[in-house]
Amino acid sequence: MSSDFLNAHDNRARAASYAALEFPRTYDLAYRDLPSIIGAHAHGRTAVDFGCGAGRSTRFLCTLGFDAVGVDIAEPMISLARERDPNGEYLLVPDGDLSVLRPGTFDLVFSVFTFNNVPTIEKKVALFTSLKELLTPGGRIVSLVSTPDIYRNEWASFSTKDFPGNRTARSGKKVFTVMLDVDDRRPVTDFLGTDGDRYEVYGRAGLVPLLT
């Protein structure tokens, strides 16, 4: 694959572009209802932010009163998160290996757009199974993902007009977006996931959806 199609976690320059991103436009809408959803369904104060990137979503959890740990597969992202938030806790989990975290100790698992980057249903099932094992009794997973619509239309924060193949892409295939709220305008690579895919993953991981 061309270096033009590297995701943000693949090098520090791309990670730095993400690190400067807070909650503009579409991102503000994505996060808008999360406080009420989390408040209604999650109990307790311990949280792990899976796929924390440069720490934006972990810091968001902290503003809601959680004692949050951020984890990510990418060293450049973790490094930037620690620079931005030196008092926070950010851990590198190569290939999503969560053995660094103690099972049964988190009231909330939080994941914002992380699973857009996971290529196969099998890998998603394995990750959600591992995340489930981190939960306390009655714990909750809140996973925010993109629907296929994001890859087929123009948005305030994303453009897909240069990627007509997105319109006919099938489940699990690569799709591309350009982020308009960062300086780095190289395309970001995701993997198309449908509602059916997600329900299959949740079921195979032993999870019961509460909200859709």
C-alpha atoms as a PDB file:
ATOM      1  CA  MET A   1       0.000   0.000   0.000  1.00  0.00           C
ATOM      2  CA  SER A   2       1.227   3.490  -0.776  1.00  0.00           C
ATOM      3  CA  SER A   3       2.576   5.597   2.068  1.00  0.00           C
ATOM      4  CA  ASP A   4      -0.197   8.069   1.201  1.00  0.00           C
ATOM      5  CA  PHE A   5      -2.632   5.633   2.786  1.00  0.00           C
ATOM      6  CA  LEU A   6      -1.023   5.344   6.223  1.00  0.00           C
ATOM      7  CA  ASN A   7      -3.326   5.626   9.186  1.00  0.00           C
ATOM      8  CA  ALA A   8      -2.561   8.097  11.961  1.00  0.00           C
ATOM      9  CA  HIS A   9      -1.001   5.478  14.219  1.00  0.00           C
ATOM     10  CA  ASP A  10       1.630   4.468  11.672  1.00  0.00           C
ATOM     11  CA  ASN A  11       4.006   7.395  12.160  1.00  0.00           C
ATOM     12  CA  ARG A  12       4.535  10.323  14.469  1.00  0.00           C
ATOM     13  CA  ALA A  13       3.738  12.981  11.873  1.00  0.00           C
ATOM     14  CA  ARG A  14       0.248  11.598  11.357  1.00  0.00           C
ATOM     15  CA  ALA A  15      -0.209  11.003  15.074  1.00  0.00           C
ATOM     16  CA  ALA A  16       0.751  14.618  15.772  1.00  0.00           C
ATOM     17  CA  SER A  17      -1.975  15.781  13.416  1.00  0.00           C
ATOM     18  CA  TYR A  18      -4.524  13.803  15.425  1.00  0.00           C
ATOM     19  CA  ALA A  19      -3.086  15.038  18.713  1.00  0.00           C
ATOM     20  CA  ALA A  20      -4.085  18.600  17.865  1.00  0.00           C
ATOM     21  CA  LEU A  21      -7.700  17.554  17.185  1.00  0.00           C
ATOM     22  CA  GLU A  22     -10.245  18.229  19.913  1.00  0.00           C
ATOM     23  CA  PHE A  23     -14.016  18.348  19.274  1.00  0.00           C
ATOM     24  CA  PRO A  24     -14.753  20.359  16.116  1.00  0.00           C
ATOM     25  CA  ARG A  25     -17.925  20.045  14.066  1.00  0.00           C
ATOM     26  CA  THR A  26     -18.742  16.369  13.428  1.00  0.00           C
ATOM     27  CA  TYR A  27     -16.670  15.257  16.402  1.00  0.00           C
ATOM     28  CA  ASP A  28     -18.687  17.485  18.696  1.00  0.00           C
ATOM     29  CA  LEU A  29     -21.849  15.729  17.483  1.00  0.00           C
ATOM     30  CA  ALA A  30     -20.244  12.323  17.975  1.00  0.00           C
ATOM     31  CA  TYR A  31     -19.435  13.074  21.602  1.00  0.00           C
ATOM     32  CA  ARG A  32     -22.512  15.179  22.378  1.00  0.00           C
ATOM     33  CA  ASP A  33     -24.755  12.436  23.770  1.00  0.00           C
ATOM     34  CA  LEU A  34     -22.071  10.282  25.351  1.00  0.00           C
ATOM     35  CA  PRO A  35     -22.234  11.881  28.837  1.00  0.00           C
ATOM     36  CA  SER A  36     -25.942  11.084  29.161  1.00  0.00           C
ATOM     37  CA  ILE A  37     -25.525   7.574  27.701  1.00  0.00           C
ATOM     38  CA  ILE A  38     -22.615   6.778  29.992  1.00  0.00           C
ATOM     39  CA  GLY A  39     -24.379   8.321  32.975  1.00  0.00           C
ATOM     40  CA  ALA A  40     -27.472   6.208  32.379  1.00  0.00           C
ATOM     41  CA  HIS A  41     -25.766   2.882  31.773  1.00  0.00           C
ATOM     42  CA  ALA A  42     -22.325   2.867  33.413  1.00  0.00           C
ATOM     43  CA  HIS A  43     -21.852   2.690  37.169  1.00  0.00           C
ATOM     44  CA  GLY A  44     -18.626   3.122  39.103  1.00  0.00           C
ATOM     45  CA  ARG A  45     -15.572   5.223  38.356  1.00  0.00           C
ATOM     46  CA  THR A  46     -12.938   3.000  36.776  1.00  0.00           C
ATOM     47  CA  ALA A  47     -12.603   3.068  32.990  1.00  0.00           C
ATOM     48  CA  VAL A  48     -10.284   1.889  30.255  1.00  0.00           C
ATOM     49  CA  ASP A  49     -10.187   3.771  26.964  1.00  0.00           C
ATOM     50  CA  PHE A  50      -9.375   1.194  24.290  1.00  0.00           C
ATOM     51  CA  GLY A  51      -7.750   2.829  21.274  1.00  0.00           C
ATOM     52  CA  CYS A  52      -7.102   6.070  23.117  1.00  0.00           C
ATOM     53  CA  GLY A  53      -4.906   7.520  20.391  1.00  0.00           C
ATOM     54  CA  ALA A  54      -3.333  10.761  21.583  1.00  0.00           C
ATOM     55  CA  GLY A  55      -5.556  10.777  24.667  1.00  0.00           C
ATOM     56  CA  ARG A  56      -8.481  12.982  23.661  1.00  0.00           C
ATOM     57  CA  SER A  57     -11.100  10.361  24.568  1.00  0.00           C
ATOM     58  CA  THR A  58      -9.298   9.457  27.814  1.00  0.00           C
ATOM     59  CA  ARG A  59      -9.268  13.078  28.901  1.00  0.00           C
ATOM     60  CA  PHE A  60     -12.964  13.215  28.006  1.00  0.00           C
ATOM     61  CA  LEU A  61     -13.642  10.330  30.412  1.00  0.00           C
ATOM     62  CA  CYS A  62     -11.720  12.127  33.126  1.00  0.00           C
ATOM     63  CA  THR A  63     -13.962  15.193  32.732  1.00  0.00           C
ATOM     64  CA  LEU A  64     -16.891  12.864  33.485  1.00  0.00           C
ATOM     65  CA  GLY A  65     -15.275  11.852  36.764  1.00  0.00           C
ATOM     66  CA  PHE A  66     -13.715   8.544  35.736  1.00  0.00           C
ATOM     67  CA  ASP A  67     -10.350   7.250  36.815  1.00  0.00           C
ATOM     68  CA  ALA A  68      -9.389   6.397  33.243  1.00  0.00           C
ATOM     69  CA  VAL A  69      -6.510   4.436  31.724  1.00  0.00           C
ATOM     70  CA  GLY A  70      -5.799   4.924  28.023  1.00  0.00           C
ATOM     71  CA  VAL A  71      -4.418   2.056  25.936  1.00  0.00           C
ATOM     72  CA  ASP A  72      -3.374   1.965  22.291  1.00  0.00           C
ATOM     73  CA  ILE A  73      -1.386  -0.221  19.898  1.00  0.00           C
ATOM     74  CA  ALA A  74       0.696   2.678  18.562  1.00  0.00           C
ATOM     75  CA  GLU A  75       3.760   4.006  20.370  1.00  0.00           C
ATOM     76  CA  PRO A  76       3.614   7.424  18.624  1.00  0.00           C
ATOM     77  CA  MET A  77       0.075   7.915  19.884  1.00  0.00           C
ATOM     78  CA  ILE A  78       0.880   6.855  23.440  1.00  0.00           C
ATOM     79  CA  SER A  79       3.949   9.094  23.463  1.00  0.00           C
ATOM     80  CA  LEU A  80       1.890  12.110  22.422  1.00  0.00           C
ATOM     81  CA  ALA A  81      -0.838  11.283  24.953  1.00  0.00           C
ATOM     82  CA  ARG A  82       1.750  11.246  27.736  1.00  0.00           C
ATOM     83  CA  GLU A  83       3.225  14.546  26.540  1.00  0.00           C
ATOM     84  CA  ARG A  84      -0.207  16.172  26.456  1.00  0.00           C
ATOM     85  CA  ASP A  85      -1.321  14.691  29.785  1.00  0.00           C
ATOM     86  CA  PRO A  86       1.750  13.867  31.909  1.00  0.00           C
ATOM     87  CA  ASN A  87      -0.364  13.003  34.945  1.00  0.00           C
ATOM     88  CA  GLY A  88      -2.519  10.543  33.022  1.00  0.00           C
ATOM     89  CA  GLU A  89      -1.983   6.815  32.622  1.00  0.00           C
ATOM     90  CA  TYR A  90      -1.361   5.616  29.081  1.00  0.00           C
ATOM     91  CA  LEU A  91      -0.224   2.102  28.218  1.00  0.00           C
ATOM     92  CA  LEU A  92       1.072   0.536  25.031  1.00  0.00           C
ATOM     93  CA  VAL A  93      -0.728  -2.715  24.143  1.00  0.00           C
ATOM     94  CA  PRO A  94       1.001  -4.242  21.099  1.00  0.00           C
ATOM     95  CA  ASP A  95      -1.494  -5.894  18.755  1.00  0.00           C
ATOM     96  CA  GLY A  96      -4.248  -5.241  21.283  1.00  0.00           C
ATOM     97  CA  ASP A  97      -2.742  -7.529  23.942  1.00  0.00           C
ATOM     98  CA  LEU A  98      -4.609  -6.497  27.096  1.00  0.00           C
ATOM     99  CA  SER A  99      -2.711  -8.735  29.512  1.00  0.00           C
ATOM    100  CA  VAL A 100      -1.159  -5.603  31.035  1.00  0.00           C
ATOM    101  CA  LEU A 101      -4.599  -4.853  32.556  1.00  0.00           C
ATOM    102  CA  ARG A 102      -6.110  -6.800  35.442  1.00  0.00           C
ATOM    103  CA  PRO A 103      -9.356  -8.627  34.581  1.00  0.00           C
ATOM    104  CA  GLY A 104     -12.539  -7.663  36.383  1.00  0.00           C
ATOM    105  CA  THR A 105     -11.382  -4.207  37.463  1.00  0.00           C
ATOM    106  CA  PHE A 106     -13.075  -1.717  35.107  1.00  0.00           C
ATOM    107  CA  ASP A 107     -16.641  -0.446  35.357  1.00  0.00           C
ATOM    108  CA  LEU A 108     -16.506   0.961  31.837  1.00  0.00           C
ATOM    109  CA  VAL A 109     -14.713   0.045  28.633  1.00  0.00           C
ATOM    110  CA  PHE A 110     -14.788   2.964  26.209  1.00  0.00           C
ATOM    111  CA  SER A 111     -13.890   2.766  22.526  1.00  0.00           C
ATOM    112  CA  VAL A 112     -14.319   5.645  20.084  1.00  0.00           C
ATOM    113  CA  PHE A 113     -13.956   4.766  16.386  1.00  0.00           C
ATOM    114  CA  THR A 114     -11.286   2.165  17.230  1.00  0.00           C
ATOM    115  CA  PHE A 115     -13.085  -0.740  15.607  1.00  0.00           C
ATOM    116  CA  ASN A 116     -13.252   1.109  12.274  1.00  0.00           C
ATOM    117  CA  ASN A 117      -9.561   0.189  11.990  1.00  0.00           C
ATOM    118  CA  VAL A 118      -9.888  -3.521  12.822  1.00  0.00           C
ATOM    119  CA  PRO A 119      -9.862  -5.555   9.595  1.00  0.00           C
ATOM    120  CA  THR A 120     -11.730  -8.799  10.323  1.00  0.00           C
ATOM    121  CA  ILE A 121     -14.733 -10.014  12.270  1.00  0.00           C
ATOM    122  CA  GLU A 122     -12.559 -12.663  13.920  1.00  0.00           C
ATOM    123  CA  LYS A 123     -10.155 -10.032  15.262  1.00  0.00           C
ATOM    124  CA  LYS A 124     -13.046  -7.906  16.487  1.00  0.00           C
ATOM    125  CA  VAL A 125     -14.566 -10.881  18.309  1.00  0.00           C
ATOM    126  CA  ALA A 126     -11.241 -11.637  19.977  1.00  0.00           C
ATOM    127  CA  LEU A 127     -10.811  -8.010  21.080  1.00  0.00           C
ATOM    128  CA  PHE A 128     -14.358  -7.650  22.425  1.00  0.00           C
ATOM    129  CA  THR A 129     -13.964 -10.949  24.290  1.00  0.00           C
ATOM    130  CA  SER A 130     -10.802  -9.616  25.919  1.00  0.00           C
ATOM    131  CA  LEU A 131     -12.483  -6.305  26.722  1.00  0.00           C
ATOM    132  CA  LYS A 132     -15.439  -8.096  28.309  1.00  0.00           C
ATOM    133  CA  GLU A 133     -13.049  -9.881  30.667  1.00  0.00           C
ATOM    134  CA  LEU A 134     -11.827  -6.520  31.985  1.00  0.00           C
ATOM    135  CA  LEU A 135     -15.284  -5.558  33.268  1.00  0.00           C
ATOM    136  CA  THR A 136     -16.493  -5.627  36.835  1.00  0.00           C
ATOM    137  CA  PRO A 137     -19.849  -7.374  37.423  1.00  0.00           C
ATOM    138  CA  GLY A 138     -22.449  -5.146  35.788  1.00  0.00           C
ATOM    139  CA  GLY A 139     -19.785  -3.268  33.832  1.00  0.00           C
ATOM    140  CA  ARG A 140     -20.529  -1.774  30.433  1.00  0.00           C
ATOM    141  CA  ILE A 141     -18.804  -1.354  27.073  1.00  0.00           C
ATOM    142  CA  VAL A 142     -19.530   1.840  25.134  1.00  0.00           C
ATOM    143  CA  SER A 143     -18.315   1.506  21.537  1.00  0.00           C
ATOM    144  CA  LEU A 144     -18.745   4.356  19.073  1.00  0.00           C
ATOM    145  CA  VAL A 145     -18.324   3.378  15.411  1.00  0.00           C
ATOM    146  CA  SER A 146     -18.938   4.800  11.950  1.00  0.00           C
ATOM    147  CA  THR A 147     -21.834   3.592   9.812  1.00  0.00           C
ATOM    148  CA  PRO A 148     -21.257   2.875   6.097  1.00  0.00           C
ATOM    149  CA  ASP A 149     -22.848   6.254   5.287  1.00  0.00           C
ATOM    150  CA  ILE A 150     -19.749   8.120   6.397  1.00  0.00           C
ATOM    151  CA  TYR A 151     -17.737   6.590   3.552  1.00  0.00           C
ATOM    152  CA  ARG A 152     -20.275   7.446   0.855  1.00  0.00           C
ATOM    153  CA  ASN A 153     -21.093  11.103   1.440  1.00  0.00           C
ATOM    154  CA  GLU A 154     -19.560  14.495   2.158  1.00  0.00           C
ATOM    155  CA  TRP A 155     -19.517  15.779   5.754  1.00  0.00           C
ATOM    156  CA  ALA A 156     -18.395  18.803   7.729  1.00  0.00           C
ATOM    157  CA  SER A 157     -15.321  16.920   8.942  1.00  0.00           C
ATOM    158  CA  PHE A 158     -14.821  14.220   6.294  1.00  0.00           C
ATOM    159  CA  SER A 159     -14.588  13.987   2.517  1.00  0.00           C
ATOM    160  CA  THR A 160     -14.946  10.836   0.413  1.00  0.00           C
ATOM    161  CA  LYS A 161     -15.451  12.339  -3.050  1.00  0.00           C
ATOM    162  CA  ASP A 162     -12.060  11.142  -4.267  1.00  0.00           C
ATOM    163  CA  PHE A 163     -12.873   7.499  -3.457  1.00  0.00           C
ATOM    164  CA  PRO A 164     -15.777   6.302  -5.604  1.00  0.00           C
ATOM    165  CA  GLY A 165     -14.909   2.713  -4.732  1.00  0.00           C
ATOM    166  CA  ASN A 166     -16.271   3.391  -1.251  1.00  0.00           C
ATOM    167  CA  ARG A 167     -19.809   3.368  -2.673  1.00  0.00           C
ATOM    168  CA  THR A 168     -19.611  -0.247  -3.771  1.00  0.00           C
ATOM    169  CA  ALA A 169     -17.307  -1.602  -1.067  1.00  0.00           C
ATOM    170  CA  ARG A 170     -18.534  -4.700   0.701  1.00  0.00           C
ATOM    171  CA  SER A 171     -18.250  -5.657   4.343  1.00  0.00           C
ATOM    172  CA  GLY A 172     -14.661  -5.932   5.514  1.00  0.00           C
ATOM    173  CA  LYS A 173     -13.181  -4.096   2.536  1.00  0.00           C
ATOM    174  CA  LYS A 174     -10.966  -1.033   2.786  1.00  0.00           C
ATOM    175  CA  VAL A 175     -12.620   2.363   2.570  1.00  0.00           C
ATOM    176  CA  PHE A 176     -11.014   5.792   2.670  1.00  0.00           C
ATOM    177  CA  THR A 177     -11.766   9.231   4.076  1.00  0.00           C
ATOM    178  CA  VAL A 178      -9.967  12.553   4.199  1.00  0.00           C
ATOM    179  CA  MET A 179     -10.216  14.358   7.528  1.00  0.00           C
ATOM    180  CA  LEU A 180     -10.931  18.063   7.034  1.00  0.00           C
ATOM    181  CA  ASP A 181     -10.258  19.196  10.619  1.00  0.00           C
ATOM    182  CA  VAL A 182      -6.530  18.384  10.635  1.00  0.00           C
ATOM    183  CA  ASP A 183      -3.575  19.662   8.638  1.00  0.00           C
ATOM    184  CA  ASP A 184      -2.634  16.198   7.372  1.00  0.00           C
ATOM    185  CA  ARG A 185      -5.002  15.551   4.478  1.00  0.00           C
ATOM    186  CA  ARG A 186      -3.656  12.145   3.459  1.00  0.00           C
ATOM    187  CA  PRO A 187      -6.453   9.562   3.284  1.00  0.00           C
ATOM    188  CA  VAL A 188      -7.260   7.458   6.314  1.00  0.00           C
ATOM    189  CA  THR A 189      -7.903   3.754   5.762  1.00  0.00           C
ATOM    190  CA  ASP A 190     -10.802   2.031   7.541  1.00  0.00           C
ATOM    191  CA  PHE A 191     -12.603  -1.284   7.046  1.00  0.00           C
ATOM    192  CA  LEU A 192     -16.281  -1.214   6.201  1.00  0.00           C
ATOM    193  CA  GLY A 193     -18.522  -2.649   8.898  1.00  0.00           C
ATOM    194  CA  THR A 194     -22.297  -3.057   8.786  1.00  0.00           C
ATOM    195  CA  ASP A 195     -24.857  -3.279  11.580  1.00  0.00           C
ATOM    196  CA  GLY A 196     -25.109  -6.988  10.834  1.00  0.00           C
ATOM    197  CA  ASP A 197     -21.370  -7.371  11.302  1.00  0.00           C
ATOM    198  CA  ARG A 198     -21.498  -5.632  14.651  1.00  0.00           C
ATOM    199  CA  TYR A 199     -24.357  -7.743  15.986  1.00  0.00           C
ATOM    200  CA  GLU A 200     -22.506 -10.867  14.904  1.00  0.00           C
ATOM    201  CA  VAL A 201     -19.370  -9.701  16.707  1.00  0.00           C
ATOM    202  CA  TYR A 202     -21.235  -8.829  19.895  1.00  0.00           C
ATOM    203  CA  GLY A 203     -23.059 -12.146  19.932  1.00  0.00           C
ATOM    204  CA  ARG A 204     -19.924 -14.202  19.343  1.00  0.00           C
ATOM    205  CA  ALA A 205     -18.141 -12.259  22.094  1.00  0.00           C
ATOM    206  CA  GLY A 206     -20.963 -12.975  24.546  1.00  0.00           C
ATOM    207  CA  LEU A 207     -22.201  -9.376  24.698  1.00  0.00           C
ATOM    208  CA  VAL A 208     -25.808  -8.154  24.758  1.00  0.00           C
ATOM    209  CA  PRO A 209     -26.407  -4.761  23.057  1.00  0.00           C
ATOM    210  CA  LEU A 210     -28.338  -2.262  25.175  1.00  0.00           C
ATOM    211  CA  LEU A 211     -28.375   0.608  22.675  1.00  0.00           C
ATOM    212  CA  THR A 212     -28.047   0.695  18.884  1.00  0.00           C
END
